[in-house]
Amino acid sequence: MDHSAHHTSTAHDHAAHQAHAGHAGHQMGGVTWGAAAKATLHCLTGCAIGEILGMVIGTALMWGNVQTMILAIALAFVFGYSFTLFAVRRAGLGWKSAIKVALAADTVSIAVMELVDNGIIALTPGAMDAHLSDALFWTALLGGFAVAFVITTPVNKWMIGRGKGHAVVHAYH
C-alpha cells in the first residue's frame, strides 16, 4: 500500500510508527520535534488524567486546596508513570527494568509539567478557589497544560537527543 497517496490518520500513524521504530535503536541525535511532542503528549495525558482525578476526588471529599493539589500531583505521577510502564511492559520488559525505564523517562517530564501547570493555576487569580463546574478552573488547568506541553517538549527533545528520558522508552516500542 502506498502511504504517500493514502492520507488517512491510520496510514499516517502507521507510517509514523514505522519511521519511529526505525530510528529508535540508532542515533538519537536527529530527534524530530514530532517524536518529542508525541512522548510529551503520552506523559501529559497520564498527568492530566491523574491531576483531574485528584481534583475531582479532593473536591468530592471537600478537601482544602493544599490537600487536593498534593493528591492531584501524586496521581499525576502515578498515571504518568503507568502510561510509560504499560507501554514498556507490552514491549516485553520485566517489571524491574520497566519501572527503572519509566522512572528515568518520566520524572523530569512530569516534574516540569506539574510545576508549570500548578504554577499557572496558583498564579491565575481565583483559579485555586474555582470549582470543577467553573470555566475559570478548566481554563487555568488547560492553559497550564498547554504551557507545560510547550515547555516540556523541548526538554524531552533534548533528553531524547542525549539518549535519556523518553529515548529509553522509545528503544522498547
N, C-alpha and C. Protein backbone atom coordinates (compact mmCIF):
# COMPACT_ATOMS: atom_id res chain seq x y z
N MET A 1 0.84 -1.18 0.00
CA MET A 1 0.00 0.00 0.00
C MET A 1 0.88 1.24 0.00
N ASP A 2 0.55 2.19 -0.85
CA ASP A 2 1.35 3.40 -0.96
C ASP A 2 0.90 4.42 0.08
N HIS A 3 1.77 4.68 1.07
CA HIS A 3 1.40 5.60 2.15
C HIS A 3 1.31 7.04 1.70
N SER A 4 2.09 7.43 0.68
CA SER A 4 2.09 8.83 0.28
C SER A 4 0.76 9.25 -0.34
N ALA A 5 0.09 8.32 -1.03
CA ALA A 5 -1.18 8.67 -1.66
C ALA A 5 -2.35 8.52 -0.69
N HIS A 6 -2.14 7.78 0.37
CA HIS A 6 -3.21 7.46 1.30
C HIS A 6 -3.05 8.28 2.58
N HIS A 7 -3.87 9.33 2.75
CA HIS A 7 -3.64 10.24 3.87
C HIS A 7 -4.62 10.10 5.02
N THR A 8 -5.07 8.90 5.32
CA THR A 8 -5.94 8.76 6.49
C THR A 8 -5.04 8.79 7.72
N SER A 9 -5.64 9.08 8.87
CA SER A 9 -4.83 9.16 10.09
C SER A 9 -4.22 7.79 10.41
N THR A 10 -4.91 6.72 10.10
CA THR A 10 -4.38 5.38 10.40
C THR A 10 -3.11 5.12 9.60
N ALA A 11 -3.16 5.44 8.31
CA ALA A 11 -1.98 5.24 7.47
C ALA A 11 -0.84 6.12 7.97
N HIS A 12 -1.18 7.36 8.34
CA HIS A 12 -0.15 8.28 8.81
C HIS A 12 0.47 7.76 10.11
N ASP A 13 -0.37 7.32 11.06
CA ASP A 13 0.15 6.80 12.31
C ASP A 13 1.01 5.58 12.07
N HIS A 14 0.57 4.73 11.14
CA HIS A 14 1.33 3.52 10.81
C HIS A 14 2.70 3.89 10.25
N ALA A 15 2.70 4.84 9.31
CA ALA A 15 3.95 5.29 8.70
C ALA A 15 4.85 5.95 9.75
N ALA A 16 4.23 6.78 10.58
CA ALA A 16 4.99 7.46 11.63
C ALA A 16 5.57 6.44 12.59
N HIS A 17 4.78 5.42 12.90
CA HIS A 17 5.24 4.39 13.83
C HIS A 17 6.42 3.61 13.23
N GLN A 18 6.33 3.32 11.91
CA GLN A 18 7.43 2.60 11.26
C GLN A 18 8.70 3.44 11.30
N ALA A 19 8.56 4.73 10.97
CA ALA A 19 9.72 5.62 10.98
C ALA A 19 10.26 5.70 12.40
N HIS A 20 9.36 5.79 13.34
CA HIS A 20 9.66 5.88 14.76
C HIS A 20 10.48 4.67 15.20
N ALA A 21 10.00 3.47 14.85
CA ALA A 21 10.68 2.23 15.22
C ALA A 21 12.04 2.16 14.54
N GLY A 22 12.12 2.71 13.34
CA GLY A 22 13.36 2.67 12.57
C GLY A 22 14.47 3.45 13.24
N HIS A 23 14.17 4.64 13.75
CA HIS A 23 15.27 5.44 14.30
C HIS A 23 15.53 5.21 15.78
N ALA A 24 14.61 4.51 16.45
CA ALA A 24 14.74 4.36 17.90
C ALA A 24 16.05 3.72 18.33
N GLY A 25 16.47 2.67 17.63
CA GLY A 25 17.68 1.97 18.04
C GLY A 25 18.96 2.62 17.60
N HIS A 26 18.89 3.51 16.61
CA HIS A 26 20.10 4.11 16.04
C HIS A 26 20.45 5.43 16.71
N GLN A 27 21.09 6.30 15.94
CA GLN A 27 21.49 7.59 16.50
C GLN A 27 20.27 8.36 16.97
N MET A 28 20.37 8.93 18.16
CA MET A 28 19.26 9.69 18.69
C MET A 28 19.47 11.18 18.49
N GLY A 29 20.54 11.57 17.82
CA GLY A 29 20.84 12.98 17.62
C GLY A 29 19.77 13.68 16.80
N GLY A 30 19.26 12.99 15.77
CA GLY A 30 18.29 13.63 14.87
C GLY A 30 16.86 13.42 15.32
N VAL A 31 16.58 13.77 16.56
CA VAL A 31 15.23 13.59 17.10
C VAL A 31 14.30 14.62 16.48
N THR A 32 13.17 14.14 16.00
CA THR A 32 12.23 15.08 15.41
C THR A 32 11.40 15.72 16.51
N TRP A 33 10.89 16.92 16.20
CA TRP A 33 10.00 17.58 17.15
C TRP A 33 8.74 16.75 17.32
N GLY A 34 8.35 16.04 16.26
CA GLY A 34 7.17 15.19 16.32
C GLY A 34 7.32 14.09 17.35
N ALA A 35 8.50 13.45 17.35
CA ALA A 35 8.76 12.37 18.30
C ALA A 35 8.76 12.92 19.73
N ALA A 36 9.38 14.09 19.90
CA ALA A 36 9.44 14.72 21.23
C ALA A 36 8.04 15.11 21.68
N ALA A 37 7.25 15.64 20.75
CA ALA A 37 5.88 16.06 21.07
C ALA A 37 5.02 14.85 21.43
N LYS A 38 5.23 13.74 20.71
CA LYS A 38 4.46 12.52 20.96
C LYS A 38 4.78 11.97 22.36
N ALA A 39 6.06 11.96 22.69
CA ALA A 39 6.48 11.50 24.02
C ALA A 39 5.88 12.39 25.10
N THR A 40 5.91 13.70 24.85
CA THR A 40 5.38 14.66 25.81
C THR A 40 3.87 14.47 25.97
N LEU A 41 3.19 14.23 24.86
CA LEU A 41 1.75 14.05 24.88
C LEU A 41 1.34 12.82 25.67
N HIS A 42 2.10 11.72 25.49
CA HIS A 42 1.87 10.47 26.25
C HIS A 42 1.90 10.79 27.74
N CYS A 43 2.97 11.46 28.12
CA CYS A 43 3.22 11.81 29.51
C CYS A 43 2.14 12.76 30.02
N LEU A 44 1.83 13.76 29.20
CA LEU A 44 0.84 14.78 29.56
C LEU A 44 -0.54 14.16 29.76
N THR A 45 -0.86 13.18 28.92
CA THR A 45 -2.16 12.51 29.03
C THR A 45 -2.28 11.84 30.40
N GLY A 46 -1.23 11.13 30.79
CA GLY A 46 -1.22 10.48 32.10
C GLY A 46 -1.32 11.50 33.23
N CYS A 47 -0.55 12.58 33.09
CA CYS A 47 -0.58 13.66 34.09
C CYS A 47 -1.97 14.26 34.20
N ALA A 48 -2.57 14.56 33.04
CA ALA A 48 -3.89 15.21 33.02
C ALA A 48 -4.94 14.33 33.69
N ILE A 49 -4.92 13.04 33.35
CA ILE A 49 -5.89 12.11 33.95
C ILE A 49 -5.71 12.10 35.47
N GLY A 50 -4.47 11.96 35.92
CA GLY A 50 -4.19 11.91 37.35
C GLY A 50 -4.57 13.19 38.06
N GLU A 51 -4.21 14.31 37.44
CA GLU A 51 -4.46 15.59 38.08
C GLU A 51 -5.96 15.90 38.18
N ILE A 52 -6.68 15.66 37.09
CA ILE A 52 -8.12 15.93 37.09
C ILE A 52 -8.82 15.00 38.09
N LEU A 53 -8.40 13.73 38.10
CA LEU A 53 -8.96 12.76 39.04
C LEU A 53 -8.71 13.23 40.48
N GLY A 54 -7.50 13.69 40.75
CA GLY A 54 -7.15 14.19 42.08
C GLY A 54 -8.02 15.36 42.49
N MET A 55 -8.25 16.27 41.53
CA MET A 55 -9.08 17.45 41.82
C MET A 55 -10.53 17.04 42.07
N VAL A 56 -11.01 16.08 41.27
CA VAL A 56 -12.39 15.60 41.42
C VAL A 56 -12.55 14.94 42.80
N ILE A 57 -11.61 14.05 43.16
CA ILE A 57 -11.68 13.35 44.45
C ILE A 57 -11.57 14.36 45.61
N GLY A 58 -10.58 15.26 45.52
CA GLY A 58 -10.39 16.28 46.56
C GLY A 58 -11.62 17.14 46.75
N THR A 59 -12.24 17.52 45.63
CA THR A 59 -13.44 18.36 45.68
C THR A 59 -14.61 17.57 46.28
N ALA A 60 -14.74 16.31 45.85
CA ALA A 60 -15.83 15.46 46.35
C ALA A 60 -15.70 15.24 47.86
N LEU A 61 -14.47 15.14 48.35
CA LEU A 61 -14.24 14.91 49.77
C LEU A 61 -14.20 16.22 50.57
N MET A 62 -14.45 17.35 49.86
CA MET A 62 -14.44 18.69 50.47
C MET A 62 -13.09 19.03 51.09
N TRP A 63 -12.00 18.57 50.48
CA TRP A 63 -10.67 18.87 50.99
C TRP A 63 -10.31 20.31 50.64
N GLY A 64 -9.30 20.83 51.31
CA GLY A 64 -8.80 22.16 51.00
C GLY A 64 -7.90 22.10 49.77
N ASN A 65 -7.47 23.29 49.31
CA ASN A 65 -6.62 23.40 48.11
C ASN A 65 -5.33 22.60 48.23
N VAL A 66 -4.66 22.72 49.38
CA VAL A 66 -3.36 22.08 49.53
C VAL A 66 -3.46 20.55 49.44
N GLN A 67 -4.39 19.96 50.20
CA GLN A 67 -4.54 18.50 50.17
C GLN A 67 -4.95 18.04 48.78
N THR A 68 -5.86 18.79 48.15
CA THR A 68 -6.33 18.42 46.81
C THR A 68 -5.18 18.49 45.81
N MET A 69 -4.35 19.53 45.91
CA MET A 69 -3.23 19.69 44.99
C MET A 69 -2.21 18.57 45.18
N ILE A 70 -1.94 18.21 46.44
CA ILE A 70 -0.98 17.13 46.72
C ILE A 70 -1.49 15.82 46.11
N LEU A 71 -2.78 15.54 46.32
CA LEU A 71 -3.38 14.33 45.75
C LEU A 71 -3.31 14.37 44.22
N ALA A 72 -3.65 15.52 43.63
CA ALA A 72 -3.64 15.66 42.17
C ALA A 72 -2.23 15.43 41.61
N ILE A 73 -1.22 16.00 42.25
CA ILE A 73 0.16 15.83 41.79
C ILE A 73 0.61 14.37 41.95
N ALA A 74 0.25 13.77 43.09
CA ALA A 74 0.61 12.36 43.32
C ALA A 74 -0.01 11.47 42.24
N LEU A 75 -1.29 11.70 41.95
CA LEU A 75 -1.96 10.90 40.93
C LEU A 75 -1.41 11.19 39.54
N ALA A 76 -0.99 12.44 39.29
CA ALA A 76 -0.39 12.77 38.00
C ALA A 76 0.87 11.94 37.79
N PHE A 77 1.69 11.80 38.84
CA PHE A 77 2.89 10.96 38.75
C PHE A 77 2.51 9.49 38.53
N VAL A 78 1.54 9.01 39.30
CA VAL A 78 1.12 7.61 39.18
C VAL A 78 0.66 7.30 37.76
N PHE A 79 -0.24 8.14 37.22
CA PHE A 79 -0.74 7.88 35.87
C PHE A 79 0.32 8.13 34.80
N GLY A 80 1.13 9.16 34.98
CA GLY A 80 2.21 9.44 34.04
C GLY A 80 3.15 8.25 33.92
N TYR A 81 3.56 7.72 35.08
CA TYR A 81 4.44 6.54 35.09
C TYR A 81 3.73 5.32 34.51
N SER A 82 2.45 5.14 34.87
CA SER A 82 1.71 3.96 34.41
C SER A 82 1.67 3.87 32.90
N PHE A 83 1.40 5.00 32.23
CA PHE A 83 1.31 5.00 30.78
C PHE A 83 2.61 4.49 30.17
N THR A 84 3.74 4.98 30.68
CA THR A 84 5.04 4.54 30.19
C THR A 84 5.30 3.09 30.57
N LEU A 85 4.99 2.77 31.81
CA LEU A 85 5.22 1.43 32.33
C LEU A 85 4.52 0.38 31.47
N PHE A 86 3.24 0.61 31.16
CA PHE A 86 2.49 -0.37 30.37
C PHE A 86 3.01 -0.45 28.93
N ALA A 87 3.42 0.67 28.38
CA ALA A 87 3.98 0.66 27.02
C ALA A 87 5.25 -0.19 26.99
N VAL A 88 6.10 0.00 27.98
CA VAL A 88 7.37 -0.73 28.05
C VAL A 88 7.14 -2.21 28.39
N ARG A 89 6.17 -2.47 29.26
CA ARG A 89 5.84 -3.86 29.61
C ARG A 89 5.33 -4.61 28.37
N ARG A 90 4.50 -3.93 27.57
CA ARG A 90 3.99 -4.54 26.34
C ARG A 90 5.13 -4.91 25.40
N ALA A 91 6.21 -4.14 25.47
CA ALA A 91 7.37 -4.41 24.62
C ALA A 91 8.17 -5.60 25.14
N GLY A 92 7.76 -6.15 26.28
CA GLY A 92 8.39 -7.37 26.77
C GLY A 92 9.43 -7.22 27.85
N LEU A 93 9.50 -6.05 28.47
CA LEU A 93 10.47 -5.84 29.54
C LEU A 93 9.92 -6.38 30.86
N GLY A 94 10.81 -6.85 31.73
CA GLY A 94 10.40 -7.32 33.06
C GLY A 94 9.98 -6.13 33.90
N TRP A 95 9.25 -6.39 34.99
CA TRP A 95 8.75 -5.31 35.86
C TRP A 95 9.87 -4.43 36.37
N LYS A 96 10.96 -5.04 36.84
CA LYS A 96 12.05 -4.27 37.44
C LYS A 96 12.66 -3.29 36.42
N SER A 97 12.98 -3.80 35.23
CA SER A 97 13.54 -2.94 34.18
C SER A 97 12.53 -1.90 33.73
N ALA A 98 11.27 -2.33 33.60
CA ALA A 98 10.22 -1.42 33.13
C ALA A 98 10.05 -0.24 34.09
N ILE A 99 10.10 -0.54 35.39
CA ILE A 99 9.96 0.53 36.40
C ILE A 99 11.14 1.50 36.31
N LYS A 100 12.36 0.95 36.15
CA LYS A 100 13.55 1.80 36.02
C LYS A 100 13.41 2.72 34.81
N VAL A 101 12.98 2.15 33.69
CA VAL A 101 12.81 2.93 32.45
C VAL A 101 11.76 4.03 32.65
N ALA A 102 10.62 3.66 33.24
CA ALA A 102 9.55 4.64 33.46
C ALA A 102 10.02 5.78 34.36
N LEU A 103 10.74 5.43 35.42
CA LEU A 103 11.23 6.47 36.34
C LEU A 103 12.23 7.37 35.64
N ALA A 104 13.13 6.78 34.86
CA ALA A 104 14.14 7.57 34.15
C ALA A 104 13.48 8.48 33.12
N ALA A 105 12.51 7.94 32.40
CA ALA A 105 11.91 8.69 31.31
C ALA A 105 10.99 9.79 31.77
N ASP A 106 10.21 9.54 32.79
CA ASP A 106 9.13 10.46 33.10
C ASP A 106 9.33 11.42 34.26
N THR A 107 10.31 11.16 35.10
CA THR A 107 10.46 12.02 36.28
C THR A 107 10.62 13.48 35.90
N VAL A 108 11.54 13.78 34.99
CA VAL A 108 11.76 15.17 34.60
C VAL A 108 10.53 15.74 33.91
N SER A 109 9.97 14.95 32.96
CA SER A 109 8.78 15.38 32.24
C SER A 109 7.64 15.75 33.18
N ILE A 110 7.31 14.81 34.07
CA ILE A 110 6.17 15.03 34.97
C ILE A 110 6.46 16.19 35.92
N ALA A 111 7.68 16.24 36.44
CA ALA A 111 8.02 17.31 37.38
C ALA A 111 7.88 18.67 36.72
N VAL A 112 8.43 18.83 35.50
CA VAL A 112 8.32 20.11 34.79
C VAL A 112 6.86 20.43 34.53
N MET A 113 6.13 19.42 34.05
CA MET A 113 4.72 19.61 33.73
C MET A 113 3.90 20.04 34.93
N GLU A 114 4.08 19.34 36.04
CA GLU A 114 3.32 19.65 37.25
C GLU A 114 3.68 21.01 37.81
N LEU A 115 4.96 21.34 37.77
CA LEU A 115 5.44 22.62 38.25
C LEU A 115 4.78 23.76 37.47
N VAL A 116 4.83 23.64 36.15
CA VAL A 116 4.26 24.67 35.28
C VAL A 116 2.75 24.74 35.44
N ASP A 117 2.10 23.59 35.34
CA ASP A 117 0.65 23.56 35.39
C ASP A 117 0.12 24.10 36.71
N ASN A 118 0.66 23.59 37.81
CA ASN A 118 0.19 24.04 39.13
C ASN A 118 0.60 25.48 39.40
N GLY A 119 1.74 25.88 38.86
CA GLY A 119 2.18 27.28 38.98
C GLY A 119 1.18 28.22 38.32
N ILE A 120 0.72 27.83 37.15
CA ILE A 120 -0.24 28.66 36.42
C ILE A 120 -1.57 28.71 37.16
N ILE A 121 -2.01 27.57 37.67
CA ILE A 121 -3.27 27.56 38.44
C ILE A 121 -3.12 28.45 39.68
N ALA A 122 -1.96 28.35 40.35
CA ALA A 122 -1.72 29.14 41.56
C ALA A 122 -1.65 30.63 41.25
N LEU A 123 -1.09 30.97 40.08
CA LEU A 123 -0.93 32.39 39.71
C LEU A 123 -2.17 32.99 39.06
N THR A 124 -3.08 32.15 38.56
CA THR A 124 -4.30 32.68 37.94
C THR A 124 -5.24 33.14 39.05
N PRO A 125 -5.55 34.44 39.09
CA PRO A 125 -6.41 34.93 40.16
C PRO A 125 -7.74 34.17 40.22
N GLY A 126 -8.04 33.64 41.39
CA GLY A 126 -9.31 32.95 41.59
C GLY A 126 -9.33 31.48 41.16
N ALA A 127 -8.32 31.02 40.43
CA ALA A 127 -8.35 29.64 39.91
C ALA A 127 -8.27 28.61 41.03
N MET A 128 -7.51 28.92 42.10
CA MET A 128 -7.38 27.99 43.22
C MET A 128 -8.73 27.79 43.92
N ASP A 129 -9.55 28.83 43.91
CA ASP A 129 -10.84 28.75 44.59
C ASP A 129 -11.98 28.40 43.65
N ALA A 130 -11.65 28.31 42.35
CA ALA A 130 -12.68 27.97 41.37
C ALA A 130 -13.08 26.51 41.56
N HIS A 131 -14.31 26.19 41.25
CA HIS A 131 -14.78 24.82 41.41
C HIS A 131 -14.75 24.11 40.07
N LEU A 132 -14.90 22.77 40.11
CA LEU A 132 -14.85 21.98 38.89
C LEU A 132 -15.92 22.40 37.89
N SER A 133 -16.98 23.04 38.39
CA SER A 133 -18.04 23.48 37.48
C SER A 133 -17.74 24.85 36.86
N ASP A 134 -16.71 25.52 37.36
CA ASP A 134 -16.35 26.86 36.85
C ASP A 134 -15.49 26.78 35.60
N ALA A 135 -15.81 27.64 34.65
CA ALA A 135 -15.00 27.71 33.42
C ALA A 135 -13.57 28.15 33.75
N LEU A 136 -13.44 29.03 34.74
CA LEU A 136 -12.11 29.54 35.12
C LEU A 136 -11.18 28.40 35.53
N PHE A 137 -11.71 27.44 36.28
CA PHE A 137 -10.90 26.30 36.72
C PHE A 137 -10.34 25.56 35.51
N TRP A 138 -11.22 25.22 34.56
CA TRP A 138 -10.81 24.45 33.38
C TRP A 138 -9.90 25.26 32.47
N THR A 139 -10.18 26.57 32.36
CA THR A 139 -9.33 27.43 31.53
C THR A 139 -7.91 27.47 32.09
N ALA A 140 -7.82 27.65 33.41
CA ALA A 140 -6.50 27.69 34.05
C ALA A 140 -5.78 26.35 33.91
N LEU A 141 -6.53 25.25 34.12
CA LEU A 141 -5.94 23.92 34.04
C LEU A 141 -5.46 23.61 32.63
N LEU A 142 -6.32 23.82 31.64
CA LEU A 142 -5.95 23.52 30.25
C LEU A 142 -4.87 24.47 29.74
N GLY A 143 -4.96 25.72 30.16
CA GLY A 143 -3.91 26.69 29.80
C GLY A 143 -2.58 26.26 30.39
N GLY A 144 -2.65 25.77 31.63
CA GLY A 144 -1.45 25.29 32.29
C GLY A 144 -0.86 24.10 31.56
N PHE A 145 -1.72 23.18 31.13
CA PHE A 145 -1.24 22.02 30.37
C PHE A 145 -0.63 22.45 29.04
N ALA A 146 -1.26 23.42 28.38
CA ALA A 146 -0.75 23.89 27.09
C ALA A 146 0.65 24.48 27.26
N VAL A 147 0.82 25.31 28.28
CA VAL A 147 2.14 25.91 28.54
C VAL A 147 3.14 24.82 28.94
N ALA A 148 2.68 23.90 29.79
CA ALA A 148 3.56 22.80 30.22
C ALA A 148 4.01 21.99 29.02
N PHE A 149 3.10 21.75 28.07
CA PHE A 149 3.43 21.00 26.87
C PHE A 149 4.52 21.72 26.07
N VAL A 150 4.34 23.04 25.90
CA VAL A 150 5.30 23.85 25.14
C VAL A 150 6.67 23.86 25.81
N ILE A 151 6.68 23.89 27.14
CA ILE A 151 7.95 23.90 27.86
C ILE A 151 8.58 22.51 27.93
N THR A 152 7.76 21.48 28.11
CA THR A 152 8.29 20.13 28.30
C THR A 152 8.76 19.48 27.00
N THR A 153 8.14 19.82 25.87
CA THR A 153 8.54 19.22 24.59
C THR A 153 10.03 19.45 24.28
N PRO A 154 10.54 20.70 24.38
CA PRO A 154 11.99 20.88 24.13
C PRO A 154 12.85 20.14 25.15
N VAL A 155 12.39 20.05 26.40
CA VAL A 155 13.12 19.31 27.42
C VAL A 155 13.22 17.84 27.00
N ASN A 156 12.08 17.28 26.56
CA ASN A 156 12.06 15.89 26.11
C ASN A 156 12.91 15.71 24.86
N LYS A 157 12.85 16.67 23.94
CA LYS A 157 13.64 16.58 22.69
C LYS A 157 15.12 16.52 23.06
N TRP A 158 15.53 17.38 23.98
CA TRP A 158 16.92 17.43 24.42
C TRP A 158 17.31 16.12 25.11
N MET A 159 16.42 15.62 25.99
CA MET A 159 16.72 14.37 26.70
C MET A 159 16.77 13.17 25.75
N ILE A 160 15.83 13.12 24.80
CA ILE A 160 15.82 12.02 23.83
C ILE A 160 17.09 12.12 22.99
N GLY A 161 17.46 13.33 22.60
CA GLY A 161 18.66 13.56 21.80
C GLY A 161 19.92 13.09 22.51
N ARG A 162 19.90 13.15 23.82
CA ARG A 162 21.05 12.70 24.60
C ARG A 162 20.92 11.24 25.00
N GLY A 163 19.86 10.58 24.50
CA GLY A 163 19.68 9.16 24.79
C GLY A 163 19.12 8.91 26.18
N LYS A 164 18.54 9.96 26.76
CA LYS A 164 17.97 9.81 28.10
C LYS A 164 16.45 9.97 28.00
N GLY A 165 15.82 9.87 29.15
CA GLY A 165 14.38 10.13 29.20
C GLY A 165 13.60 9.21 28.30
N HIS A 166 12.73 9.82 27.50
CA HIS A 166 11.83 9.03 26.67
C HIS A 166 12.55 8.21 25.61
N ALA A 167 13.81 8.53 25.31
CA ALA A 167 14.58 7.74 24.35
C ALA A 167 14.67 6.31 24.85
N VAL A 168 14.81 6.17 26.15
CA VAL A 168 14.91 4.86 26.77
C VAL A 168 13.63 4.06 26.47
N VAL A 169 12.50 4.76 26.58
CA VAL A 169 11.21 4.12 26.32
C VAL A 169 11.09 3.77 24.84
N HIS A 170 11.45 4.74 23.99
CA HIS A 170 11.28 4.55 22.54
C HIS A 170 12.10 3.39 22.01
N ALA A 171 13.19 3.09 22.69
CA ALA A 171 14.01 1.95 22.26
C ALA A 171 13.23 0.65 22.43
N TYR A 172 12.23 0.64 23.31
CA TYR A 172 11.46 -0.57 23.55
C TYR A 172 10.13 -0.63 22.83
N HIS A 173 9.76 0.47 22.14
CA HIS A 173 8.45 0.48 21.46
C HIS A 173 8.46 -0.46 20.26
